[in-house]
Amino acid sequence: MMRAVWNGAVIAEAPRTVVVEGNHYFPPESLRREYFTESRTRSVCFWKGIARYYSLQVAGLTNPDAAWYYPRPSPLARRIKDHVAFWQGVRVEGTPESAQDGSRCGST
């Protein structure tokens, strides 16, 4: 199981993530939404598209813009649509479960 942890709380947990450019993208259903607040921040990746951000709030502390996702990714990045990646002190840990079909190319 893969986990994203910040300030002592598991903020996302999934059997597998999609890895792109060294970042683990968690499926949207794996998020513990009570810790996430939509941010106004946006950024652009030339091949993935426009990223939107979440800030994290755990135990009275805020980590602004610590998570990002692509709601409308380019066709090349469609596998990470709405999946969420982390930075700014969020620790990703764990071991992915084996893929059902035996194919793990591009995901962990």
PDB file of N, CA and C in Angstrom:
ATOM      1  N   MET A   1       0.847  -1.179   0.000  1.00  0.00           N
ATOM      2  CA  MET A   1       0.000   0.000   0.000  1.00  0.00           C
ATOM      3  C   MET A   1       0.894   1.244   0.000  1.00  0.00           C
ATOM      4  N   MET A   2       0.536   2.213  -0.818  1.00  0.00           N
ATOM      5  CA  MET A   2       1.260   3.484  -0.896  1.00  0.00           C
ATOM      6  C   MET A   2       0.518   4.525  -0.051  1.00  0.00           C
ATOM      7  N   ARG A   3       1.286   5.372   0.636  1.00  0.00           N
ATOM      8  CA  ARG A   3       0.705   6.393   1.499  1.00  0.00           C
ATOM      9  C   ARG A   3       1.411   7.727   1.291  1.00  0.00           C
ATOM     10  N   ALA A   4       0.636   8.798   1.422  1.00  0.00           N
ATOM     11  CA  ALA A   4       1.191  10.148   1.507  1.00  0.00           C
ATOM     12  C   ALA A   4       0.925  10.626   2.926  1.00  0.00           C
ATOM     13  N   VAL A   5       1.977  11.100   3.603  1.00  0.00           N
ATOM     14  CA  VAL A   5       1.881  11.464   5.020  1.00  0.00           C
ATOM     15  C   VAL A   5       2.412  12.879   5.212  1.00  0.00           C
ATOM     16  N   TRP A   6       1.660  13.672   5.957  1.00  0.00           N
ATOM     17  CA  TRP A   6       2.127  15.003   6.329  1.00  0.00           C
ATOM     18  C   TRP A   6       1.639  15.342   7.736  1.00  0.00           C
ATOM     19  N   ASN A   7       2.519  15.897   8.534  1.00  0.00           N
ATOM     20  CA  ASN A   7       2.213  16.317   9.898  1.00  0.00           C
ATOM     21  C   ASN A   7       1.583  15.174  10.710  1.00  0.00           C
ATOM     22  N   GLY A   8       2.082  13.965  10.483  1.00  0.00           N
ATOM     23  CA  GLY A   8       1.636  12.802  11.237  1.00  0.00           C
ATOM     24  C   GLY A   8       0.346  12.164  10.776  1.00  0.00           C
ATOM     25  N   ALA A   9      -0.262  12.693   9.712  1.00  0.00           N
ATOM     26  CA  ALA A   9      -1.531  12.150   9.218  1.00  0.00           C
ATOM     27  C   ALA A   9      -1.349  11.517   7.844  1.00  0.00           C
ATOM     28  N   VAL A  10      -2.013  10.395   7.633  1.00  0.00           N
ATOM     29  CA  VAL A  10      -2.070   9.795   6.297  1.00  0.00           C
ATOM     30  C   VAL A  10      -3.115  10.584   5.523  1.00  0.00           C
ATOM     31  N   ILE A  11      -2.675  11.283   4.469  1.00  0.00           N
ATOM     32  CA  ILE A  11      -3.592  12.140   3.714  1.00  0.00           C
ATOM     33  C   ILE A  11      -4.073  11.486   2.427  1.00  0.00           C
ATOM     34  N   ALA A  12      -3.381  10.418   2.009  1.00  0.00           N
ATOM     35  CA  ALA A  12      -3.810   9.632   0.848  1.00  0.00           C
ATOM     36  C   ALA A  12      -3.249   8.226   1.011  1.00  0.00           C
ATOM     37  N   GLU A  13      -4.015   7.239   0.536  1.00  0.00           N
ATOM     38  CA  GLU A  13      -3.581   5.849   0.636  1.00  0.00           C
ATOM     39  C   GLU A  13      -4.193   5.069  -0.522  1.00  0.00           C
ATOM     40  N   ALA A  14      -3.332   4.336  -1.247  1.00  0.00           N
ATOM     41  CA  ALA A  14      -3.794   3.592  -2.418  1.00  0.00           C
ATOM     42  C   ALA A  14      -2.916   2.363  -2.633  1.00  0.00           C
ATOM     43  N   PRO A  15      -3.471   1.313  -3.236  1.00  0.00           N
ATOM     44  CA  PRO A  15      -2.669   0.130  -3.539  1.00  0.00           C
ATOM     45  C   PRO A  15      -1.550   0.431  -4.531  1.00  0.00           C
ATOM     46  N   ARG A  16      -1.821   1.354  -5.466  1.00  0.00           N
ATOM     47  CA  ARG A  16      -0.851   1.707  -6.504  1.00  0.00           C
ATOM     48  C   ARG A  16      -0.976   3.191  -6.821  1.00  0.00           C
ATOM     49  N   THR A  17       0.118   3.750  -7.321  1.00  0.00           N
ATOM     50  CA  THR A  17       0.126   5.118  -7.821  1.00  0.00           C
ATOM     51  C   THR A  17       0.643   5.089  -9.252  1.00  0.00           C
ATOM     52  N   VAL A  18       0.468   6.186  -9.950  1.00  0.00           N
ATOM     53  CA  VAL A  18       1.059   6.345 -11.278  1.00  0.00           C
ATOM     54  C   VAL A  18       2.278   7.240 -11.093  1.00  0.00           C
ATOM     55  N   VAL A  19       3.437   6.785 -11.552  1.00  0.00           N
ATOM     56  CA  VAL A  19       4.666   7.560 -11.385  1.00  0.00           C
ATOM     57  C   VAL A  19       4.999   8.264 -12.696  1.00  0.00           C
ATOM     58  N   VAL A  20       5.120   9.583 -12.608  1.00  0.00           N
ATOM     59  CA  VAL A  20       5.497  10.409 -13.756  1.00  0.00           C
ATOM     60  C   VAL A  20       6.590  11.353 -13.285  1.00  0.00           C
ATOM     61  N   GLU A  21       7.709  11.329 -13.966  1.00  0.00           N
ATOM     62  CA  GLU A  21       8.842  12.198 -13.643  1.00  0.00           C
ATOM     63  C   GLU A  21       9.228  12.108 -12.159  1.00  0.00           C
ATOM     64  N   GLY A  22       9.167  10.918 -11.610  1.00  0.00           N
ATOM     65  CA  GLY A  22       9.561  10.695 -10.227  1.00  0.00           C
ATOM     66  C   GLY A  22       8.513  11.041  -9.183  1.00  0.00           C
ATOM     67  N   ASN A  23       7.373  11.554  -9.602  1.00  0.00           N
ATOM     68  CA  ASN A  23       6.295  11.895  -8.673  1.00  0.00           C
ATOM     69  C   ASN A  23       5.237  10.802  -8.667  1.00  0.00           C
ATOM     70  N   HIS A  24       4.776  10.434  -7.479  1.00  0.00           N
ATOM     71  CA  HIS A  24       3.698   9.460  -7.333  1.00  0.00           C
ATOM     72  C   HIS A  24       2.369  10.202  -7.388  1.00  0.00           C
ATOM     73  N   TYR A  25       1.533   9.854  -8.345  1.00  0.00           N
ATOM     74  CA  TYR A  25       0.202  10.438  -8.474  1.00  0.00           C
ATOM     75  C   TYR A  25      -0.816   9.461  -7.901  1.00  0.00           C
ATOM     76  N   PHE A  26      -1.524   9.903  -6.858  1.00  0.00           N
ATOM     77  CA  PHE A  26      -2.517   9.080  -6.173  1.00  0.00           C
ATOM     78  C   PHE A  26      -3.882   9.255  -6.834  1.00  0.00           C
ATOM     79  N   PRO A  27      -4.641   8.161  -6.977  1.00  0.00           N
ATOM     80  CA  PRO A  27      -5.983   8.284  -7.547  1.00  0.00           C
ATOM     81  C   PRO A  27      -6.867   9.174  -6.664  1.00  0.00           C
ATOM     82  N   PRO A  28      -7.804   9.899  -7.276  1.00  0.00           N
ATOM     83  CA  PRO A  28      -8.613  10.846  -6.501  1.00  0.00           C
ATOM     84  C   PRO A  28      -9.393  10.196  -5.359  1.00  0.00           C
ATOM     85  N   GLU A  29      -9.828   8.966  -5.543  1.00  0.00           N
ATOM     86  CA  GLU A  29     -10.607   8.301  -4.491  1.00  0.00           C
ATOM     87  C   GLU A  29      -9.749   7.906  -3.283  1.00  0.00           C
ATOM     88  N   SER A  30      -8.430   8.015  -3.402  1.00  0.00           N
ATOM     89  CA  SER A  30      -7.537   7.639  -2.298  1.00  0.00           C
ATOM     90  C   SER A  30      -7.292   8.780  -1.312  1.00  0.00           C
ATOM     91  N   LEU A  31      -7.748   9.984  -1.644  1.00  0.00           N
ATOM     92  CA  LEU A  31      -7.490  11.153  -0.800  1.00  0.00           C
ATOM     93  C   LEU A  31      -8.398  11.170   0.422  1.00  0.00           C
ATOM     94  N   ARG A  32      -7.868  11.604   1.525  1.00  0.00           N
ATOM     95  CA  ARG A  32      -8.679  11.873   2.718  1.00  0.00           C
ATOM     96  C   ARG A  32      -9.057  13.353   2.621  1.00  0.00           C
ATOM     97  N   ARG A  33     -10.187  13.591   1.993  1.00  0.00           N
ATOM     98  CA  ARG A  33     -10.605  14.938   1.574  1.00  0.00           C
ATOM     99  C   ARG A  33     -10.698  15.947   2.712  1.00  0.00           C
ATOM    100  N   GLU A  34     -10.865  15.486   3.928  1.00  0.00           N
ATOM    101  CA  GLU A  34     -10.978  16.435   5.035  1.00  0.00           C
ATOM    102  C   GLU A  34      -9.702  17.251   5.236  1.00  0.00           C
ATOM    103  N   TYR A  35      -8.586  16.798   4.668  1.00  0.00           N
ATOM    104  CA  TYR A  35      -7.311  17.508   4.808  1.00  0.00           C
ATOM    105  C   TYR A  35      -7.015  18.459   3.637  1.00  0.00           C
ATOM    106  N   PHE A  36      -7.838  18.458   2.606  1.00  0.00           N
ATOM    107  CA  PHE A  36      -7.550  19.186   1.370  1.00  0.00           C
ATOM    108  C   PHE A  36      -8.462  20.394   1.209  1.00  0.00           C
ATOM    109  N   THR A  37      -7.843  21.513   0.806  1.00  0.00           N
ATOM    110  CA  THR A  37      -8.578  22.725   0.472  1.00  0.00           C
ATOM    111  C   THR A  37      -8.104  23.194  -0.901  1.00  0.00           C
ATOM    112  N   GLU A  38      -9.047  23.481  -1.774  1.00  0.00           N
ATOM    113  CA  GLU A  38      -8.713  23.955  -3.123  1.00  0.00           C
ATOM    114  C   GLU A  38      -7.945  25.276  -3.028  1.00  0.00           C
ATOM    115  N   SER A  39      -6.884  25.386  -3.818  1.00  0.00           N
ATOM    116  CA  SER A  39      -6.070  26.596  -3.877  1.00  0.00           C
ATOM    117  C   SER A  39      -6.382  27.352  -5.169  1.00  0.00           C
ATOM    118  N   ARG A  40      -6.039  28.617  -5.204  1.00  0.00           N
ATOM    119  CA  ARG A  40      -6.205  29.401  -6.432  1.00  0.00           C
ATOM    120  C   ARG A  40      -4.988  29.289  -7.345  1.00  0.00           C
ATOM    121  N   THR A  41      -3.935  28.640  -6.863  1.00  0.00           N
ATOM    122  CA  THR A  41      -2.682  28.535  -7.608  1.00  0.00           C
ATOM    123  C   THR A  41      -2.843  27.626  -8.825  1.00  0.00           C
ATOM    124  N   ARG A  42      -2.205  28.037  -9.916  1.00  0.00           N
ATOM    125  CA  ARG A  42      -2.164  27.252 -11.154  1.00  0.00           C
ATOM    126  C   ARG A  42      -0.726  27.277 -11.663  1.00  0.00           C
ATOM    127  N   SER A  43      -0.351  26.254 -12.410  1.00  0.00           N
ATOM    128  CA  SER A  43       0.935  26.254 -13.111  1.00  0.00           C
ATOM    129  C   SER A  43       0.746  25.501 -14.419  1.00  0.00           C
ATOM    130  N   VAL A  44       1.712  25.650 -15.316  1.00  0.00           N
ATOM    131  CA  VAL A  44       1.605  25.021 -16.629  1.00  0.00           C
ATOM    132  C   VAL A  44       2.811  24.134 -16.870  1.00  0.00           C
ATOM    133  N   CYS A  45       2.553  22.915 -17.285  1.00  0.00           N
ATOM    134  CA  CYS A  45       3.591  21.997 -17.752  1.00  0.00           C
ATOM    135  C   CYS A  45       3.417  21.875 -19.261  1.00  0.00           C
ATOM    136  N   PHE A  46       4.498  22.009 -19.993  1.00  0.00           N
ATOM    137  CA  PHE A  46       4.389  22.032 -21.454  1.00  0.00           C
ATOM    138  C   PHE A  46       3.798  20.756 -22.029  1.00  0.00           C
ATOM    139  N   TRP A  47       3.927  19.617 -21.339  1.00  0.00           N
ATOM    140  CA  TRP A  47       3.371  18.390 -21.928  1.00  0.00           C
ATOM    141  C   TRP A  47       2.200  17.803 -21.144  1.00  0.00           C
ATOM    142  N   LYS A  48       2.012  18.218 -19.885  1.00  0.00           N
ATOM    143  CA  LYS A  48       0.886  17.686 -19.104  1.00  0.00           C
ATOM    144  C   LYS A  48      -0.320  18.623 -19.124  1.00  0.00           C
ATOM    145  N   GLY A  49      -0.088  19.909 -19.197  1.00  0.00           N
ATOM    146  CA  GLY A  49      -1.195  20.861 -19.215  1.00  0.00           C
ATOM    147  C   GLY A  49      -1.172  21.777 -18.001  1.00  0.00           C
ATOM    148  N   ILE A  50      -2.348  22.263 -17.617  1.00  0.00           N
ATOM    149  CA  ILE A  50      -2.482  23.199 -16.500  1.00  0.00           C
ATOM    150  C   ILE A  50      -2.759  22.420 -15.220  1.00  0.00           C
ATOM    151  N   ALA A  51      -1.908  22.656 -14.221  1.00  0.00           N
ATOM    152  CA  ALA A  51      -2.072  22.013 -12.913  1.00  0.00           C
ATOM    153  C   ALA A  51      -2.832  22.943 -11.978  1.00  0.00           C
ATOM    154  N   ARG A  52      -3.675  22.344 -11.163  1.00  0.00           N
ATOM    155  CA  ARG A  52      -4.355  23.043 -10.074  1.00  0.00           C
ATOM    156  C   ARG A  52      -3.802  22.494  -8.766  1.00  0.00           C
ATOM    157  N   TYR A  53      -3.951  23.245  -7.696  1.00  0.00           N
ATOM    158  CA  TYR A  53      -3.311  22.896  -6.426  1.00  0.00           C
ATOM    159  C   TYR A  53      -4.310  22.785  -5.276  1.00  0.00           C
ATOM    160  N   TYR A  54      -3.890  22.006  -4.293  1.00  0.00           N
ATOM    161  CA  TYR A  54      -4.571  21.927  -3.004  1.00  0.00           C
ATOM    162  C   TYR A  54      -3.598  22.372  -1.920  1.00  0.00           C
ATOM    163  N   SER A  55      -4.130  22.995  -0.884  1.00  0.00           N
ATOM    164  CA  SER A  55      -3.379  23.206   0.349  1.00  0.00           C
ATOM    165  C   SER A  55      -3.833  22.136   1.330  1.00  0.00           C
ATOM    166  N   LEU A  56      -2.939  21.768   2.232  1.00  0.00           N
ATOM    167  CA  LEU A  56      -3.249  20.753   3.237  1.00  0.00           C
ATOM    168  C   LEU A  56      -3.438  21.415   4.590  1.00  0.00           C
ATOM    169  N   GLN A  57      -4.393  20.915   5.358  1.00  0.00           N
ATOM    170  CA  GLN A  57      -4.623  21.394   6.716  1.00  0.00           C
ATOM    171  C   GLN A  57      -4.737  20.180   7.626  1.00  0.00           C
ATOM    172  N   VAL A  58      -3.763  20.045   8.527  1.00  0.00           N
ATOM    173  CA  VAL A  58      -3.723  18.916   9.453  1.00  0.00           C
ATOM    174  C   VAL A  58      -3.359  19.436  10.840  1.00  0.00           C
ATOM    175  N   ALA A  59      -4.176  19.114  11.821  1.00  0.00           N
ATOM    176  CA  ALA A  59      -3.905  19.441  13.226  1.00  0.00           C
ATOM    177  C   ALA A  59      -3.524  20.911  13.424  1.00  0.00           C
ATOM    178  N   GLY A  60      -4.261  21.799  12.769  1.00  0.00           N
ATOM    179  CA  GLY A  60      -4.039  23.226  12.944  1.00  0.00           C
ATOM    180  C   GLY A  60      -2.923  23.836  12.124  1.00  0.00           C
ATOM    181  N   LEU A  61      -2.199  23.021  11.359  1.00  0.00           N
ATOM    182  CA  LEU A  61      -1.131  23.537  10.496  1.00  0.00           C
ATOM    183  C   LEU A  61      -1.565  23.485   9.037  1.00  0.00           C
ATOM    184  N   THR A  62      -1.094  24.466   8.259  1.00  0.00           N
ATOM    185  CA  THR A  62      -1.408  24.534   6.832  1.00  0.00           C
ATOM    186  C   THR A  62      -0.135  24.404   6.017  1.00  0.00           C
ATOM    187  N   ASN A  63      -0.198  23.617   4.965  1.00  0.00           N
ATOM    188  CA  ASN A  63       0.899  23.464   4.005  1.00  0.00           C
ATOM    189  C   ASN A  63       0.345  23.946   2.662  1.00  0.00           C
ATOM    190  N   PRO A  64       0.583  25.230   2.315  1.00  0.00           N
ATOM    191  CA  PRO A  64      -0.026  25.789   1.111  1.00  0.00           C
ATOM    192  C   PRO A  64       0.505  25.150  -0.174  1.00  0.00           C
ATOM    193  N   ASP A  65      -0.411  24.867  -1.074  1.00  0.00           N
ATOM    194  CA  ASP A  65      -0.069  24.366  -2.419  1.00  0.00           C
ATOM    195  C   ASP A  65       0.827  23.127  -2.380  1.00  0.00           C
ATOM    196  N   ALA A  66       0.585  22.242  -1.444  1.00  0.00           N
ATOM    197  CA  ALA A  66       1.435  21.058  -1.257  1.00  0.00           C
ATOM    198  C   ALA A  66       1.050  19.887  -2.150  1.00  0.00           C
ATOM    199  N   ALA A  67      -0.060  20.006  -2.862  1.00  0.00           N
ATOM    200  CA  ALA A  67      -0.517  18.923  -3.738  1.00  0.00           C
ATOM    201  C   ALA A  67      -1.009  19.525  -5.046  1.00  0.00           C
ATOM    202  N   TRP A  68      -0.824  18.784  -6.131  1.00  0.00           N
ATOM    203  CA  TRP A  68      -1.300  19.279  -7.424  1.00  0.00           C
ATOM    204  C   TRP A  68      -1.892  18.150  -8.245  1.00  0.00           C
ATOM    205  N   TYR A  69      -2.717  18.565  -9.218  1.00  0.00           N
ATOM    206  CA  TYR A  69      -3.379  17.597 -10.101  1.00  0.00           C
ATOM    207  C   TYR A  69      -3.716  18.277 -11.425  1.00  0.00           C
ATOM    208  N   TYR A  70      -4.049  17.459 -12.403  1.00  0.00           N
ATOM    209  CA  TYR A  70      -4.382  17.945 -13.746  1.00  0.00           C
ATOM    210  C   TYR A  70      -5.823  17.553 -14.069  1.00  0.00           C
ATOM    211  N   PRO A  71      -6.774  18.492 -13.954  1.00  0.00           N
ATOM    212  CA  PRO A  71      -8.169  18.152 -14.238  1.00  0.00           C
ATOM    213  C   PRO A  71      -8.450  17.920 -15.727  1.00  0.00           C
ATOM    214  N   ARG A  72      -7.670  18.571 -16.585  1.00  0.00           N
ATOM    215  CA  ARG A  72      -7.821  18.396 -18.037  1.00  0.00           C
ATOM    216  C   ARG A  72      -6.439  18.241 -18.662  1.00  0.00           C
ATOM    217  N   PRO A  73      -5.793  17.102 -18.423  1.00  0.00           N
ATOM    218  CA  PRO A  73      -4.426  16.931 -18.940  1.00  0.00           C
ATOM    219  C   PRO A  73      -4.413  16.791 -20.455  1.00  0.00           C
ATOM    220  N   SER A  74      -3.247  16.987 -21.016  1.00  0.00           N
ATOM    221  CA  SER A  74      -3.072  16.753 -22.450  1.00  0.00           C
ATOM    222  C   SER A  74      -3.259  15.260 -22.721  1.00  0.00           C
ATOM    223  N   PRO A  75      -3.477  14.882 -23.971  1.00  0.00           N
ATOM    224  CA  PRO A  75      -3.625  13.456 -24.291  1.00  0.00           C
ATOM    225  C   PRO A  75      -2.440  12.608 -23.829  1.00  0.00           C
ATOM    226  N   LEU A  76      -1.239  13.168 -23.845  1.00  0.00           N
ATOM    227  CA  LEU A  76      -0.064  12.414 -23.404  1.00  0.00           C
ATOM    228  C   LEU A  76      -0.098  12.091 -21.909  1.00  0.00           C
ATOM    229  N   ALA A  77      -0.814  12.882 -21.143  1.00  0.00           N
ATOM    230  CA  ALA A  77      -0.841  12.710 -19.687  1.00  0.00           C
ATOM    231  C   ALA A  77      -2.198  12.230 -19.174  1.00  0.00           C
ATOM    232  N   ARG A  78      -3.010  11.682 -20.020  1.00  0.00           N
ATOM    233  CA  ARG A  78      -4.375  11.314 -19.622  1.00  0.00           C
ATOM    234  C   ARG A  78      -4.432  10.309 -18.472  1.00  0.00           C
ATOM    235  N   ARG A  79      -3.384   9.526 -18.278  1.00  0.00           N
ATOM    236  CA  ARG A  79      -3.379   8.536 -17.182  1.00  0.00           C
ATOM    237  C   ARG A  79      -3.387   9.185 -15.802  1.00  0.00           C
ATOM    238  N   ILE A  80      -2.983  10.452 -15.718  1.00  0.00           N
ATOM    239  CA  ILE A  80      -2.953  11.102 -14.409  1.00  0.00           C
ATOM    240  C   ILE A  80      -4.106  12.088 -14.217  1.00  0.00           C
ATOM    241  N   LYS A  81      -5.108  12.025 -15.070  1.00  0.00           N
ATOM    242  CA  LYS A  81      -6.261  12.918 -14.922  1.00  0.00           C
ATOM    243  C   LYS A  81      -6.819  12.813 -13.502  1.00  0.00           C
ATOM    244  N   ASP A  82      -6.880  13.940 -12.826  1.00  0.00           N
ATOM    245  CA  ASP A  82      -7.411  14.063 -11.467  1.00  0.00           C
ATOM    246  C   ASP A  82      -6.601  13.334 -10.394  1.00  0.00           C
ATOM    247  N   HIS A  83      -5.512  12.659 -10.762  1.00  0.00           N
ATOM    248  CA  HIS A  83      -4.633  12.041  -9.765  1.00  0.00           C
ATOM    249  C   HIS A  83      -3.815  13.149  -9.092  1.00  0.00           C
ATOM    250  N   VAL A  84      -3.444  12.940  -7.837  1.00  0.00           N
ATOM    251  CA  VAL A  84      -2.812  13.992  -7.041  1.00  0.00           C
ATOM    252  C   VAL A  84      -1.393  13.601  -6.641  1.00  0.00           C
ATOM    253  N   ALA A  85      -0.459  14.528  -6.853  1.00  0.00           N
ATOM    254  CA  ALA A  85       0.941  14.358  -6.447  1.00  0.00           C
ATOM    255  C   ALA A  85       1.256  15.374  -5.350  1.00  0.00           C
ATOM    256  N   PHE A  86       2.349  15.133  -4.640  1.00  0.00           N
ATOM    257  CA  PHE A  86       2.675  15.931  -3.464  1.00  0.00           C
ATOM    258  C   PHE A  86       4.116  16.413  -3.485  1.00  0.00           C
ATOM    259  N   TRP A  87       4.370  17.475  -2.736  1.00  0.00           N
ATOM    260  CA  TRP A  87       5.711  17.981  -2.488  1.00  0.00           C
ATOM    261  C   TRP A  87       5.671  18.770  -1.194  1.00  0.00           C
ATOM    262  N   GLN A  88       6.680  19.624  -0.939  1.00  0.00           N
ATOM    263  CA  GLN A  88       6.724  20.517   0.222  1.00  0.00           C
ATOM    264  C   GLN A  88       6.575  19.768   1.544  1.00  0.00           C
ATOM    265  N   GLY A  89       7.383  18.731   1.707  1.00  0.00           N
ATOM    266  CA  GLY A  89       7.416  18.035   2.982  1.00  0.00           C
ATOM    267  C   GLY A  89       6.456  16.879   3.133  1.00  0.00           C
ATOM    268  N   VAL A  90       5.637  16.625   2.126  1.00  0.00           N
ATOM    269  CA  VAL A  90       4.753  15.458   2.183  1.00  0.00           C
ATOM    270  C   VAL A  90       5.584  14.234   1.837  1.00  0.00           C
ATOM    271  N   ARG A  91       5.557  13.244   2.701  1.00  0.00           N
ATOM    272  CA  ARG A  91       6.345  12.025   2.517  1.00  0.00           C
ATOM    273  C   ARG A  91       5.484  10.960   1.844  1.00  0.00           C
ATOM    274  N   VAL A  92       6.006  10.386   0.766  1.00  0.00           N
ATOM    275  CA  VAL A  92       5.344   9.255   0.105  1.00  0.00           C
ATOM    276  C   VAL A  92       6.106   8.007   0.502  1.00  0.00           C
ATOM    277  N   GLU A  93       5.379   7.019   1.012  1.00  0.00           N
ATOM    278  CA  GLU A  93       6.022   5.810   1.515  1.00  0.00           C
ATOM    279  C   GLU A  93       5.171   4.590   1.195  1.00  0.00           C
ATOM    280  N   GLY A  94       5.771   3.430   1.376  1.00  0.00           N
ATOM    281  CA  GLY A  94       5.040   2.185   1.203  1.00  0.00           C
ATOM    282  C   GLY A  94       5.544   1.375   0.035  1.00  0.00           C
ATOM    283  N   THR A  95       4.880   0.256  -0.168  1.00  0.00           N
ATOM    284  CA  THR A  95       5.196  -0.663  -1.253  1.00  0.00           C
ATOM    285  C   THR A  95       3.931  -0.880  -2.060  1.00  0.00           C
ATOM    286  N   PRO A  96       4.007  -0.696  -3.374  1.00  0.00           N
ATOM    287  CA  PRO A  96       2.800  -0.900  -4.185  1.00  0.00           C
ATOM    288  C   PRO A  96       2.389  -2.365  -4.211  1.00  0.00           C
ATOM    289  N   GLU A  97       1.093  -2.586  -4.273  1.00  0.00           N
ATOM    290  CA  GLU A  97       0.588  -3.936  -4.458  1.00  0.00           C
ATOM    291  C   GLU A  97       0.768  -4.317  -5.915  1.00  0.00           C
ATOM    292  N   SER A  98       0.877  -5.587  -6.192  1.00  0.00           N
ATOM    293  CA  SER A  98       1.055  -6.057  -7.568  1.00  0.00           C
ATOM    294  C   SER A  98      -0.162  -5.703  -8.401  1.00  0.00           C
ATOM    295  N   ALA A  99       0.092  -5.318  -9.644  1.00  0.00           N
ATOM    296  CA  ALA A  99      -0.999  -5.028 -10.575  1.00  0.00           C
ATOM    297  C   ALA A  99      -1.729  -6.320 -10.904  1.00  0.00           C
ATOM    298  N   GLN A 100      -3.031  -6.234 -11.063  1.00  0.00           N
ATOM    299  CA  GLN A 100      -3.854  -7.410 -11.365  1.00  0.00           C
ATOM    300  C   GLN A 100      -3.441  -8.087 -12.660  1.00  0.00           C
ATOM    301  N   ASP A 101      -3.136  -7.280 -13.665  1.00  0.00           N
ATOM    302  CA  ASP A 101      -2.836  -7.853 -14.976  1.00  0.00           C
ATOM    303  C   ASP A 101      -1.346  -8.126 -15.179  1.00  0.00           C
ATOM    304  N   GLY A 102      -0.547  -7.871 -14.166  1.00  0.00           N
ATOM    305  CA  GLY A 102       0.884  -8.107 -14.284  1.00  0.00           C
ATOM    306  C   GLY A 102       1.629  -6.985 -14.969  1.00  0.00           C
ATOM    307  N   SER A 103       0.922  -5.987 -15.457  1.00  0.00           N
ATOM    308  CA  SER A 103       1.555  -4.861 -16.133  1.00  0.00           C
ATOM    309  C   SER A 103       1.767  -3.738 -15.137  1.00  0.00           C
ATOM    310  N   ARG A 104       3.017  -3.301 -14.997  1.00  0.00           N
ATOM    311  CA  ARG A 104       3.312  -2.219 -14.072  1.00  0.00           C
ATOM    312  C   ARG A 104       4.041  -1.087 -14.768  1.00  0.00           C
ATOM    313  N   CYS A 105       4.070  -1.094 -16.054  1.00  0.00           N
ATOM    314  CA  CYS A 105       4.779  -0.056 -16.789  1.00  0.00           C
ATOM    315  C   CYS A 105       4.159   1.305 -16.487  1.00  0.00           C
ATOM    316  N   GLY A 106       4.961   2.191 -15.956  1.00  0.00           N
ATOM    317  CA  GLY A 106       4.496   3.548 -15.703  1.00  0.00           C
ATOM    318  C   GLY A 106       3.729   3.720 -14.415  1.00  0.00           C
ATOM    319  N   SER A 107       3.581   2.670 -13.633  1.00  0.00           N
ATOM    320  CA  SER A 107       2.892   2.833 -12.360  1.00  0.00           C
ATOM    321  C   SER A 107       3.569   1.998 -11.302  1.00  0.00           C
ATOM    322  N   THR A 108       3.341   2.386 -10.060  1.00  0.00           N
ATOM    323  CA  THR A 108       3.834   1.595  -8.932  1.00  0.00           C
ATOM    324  C   THR A 108       2.717   1.438  -7.941  1.00  0.00           C
TER     325      THR A 108
END
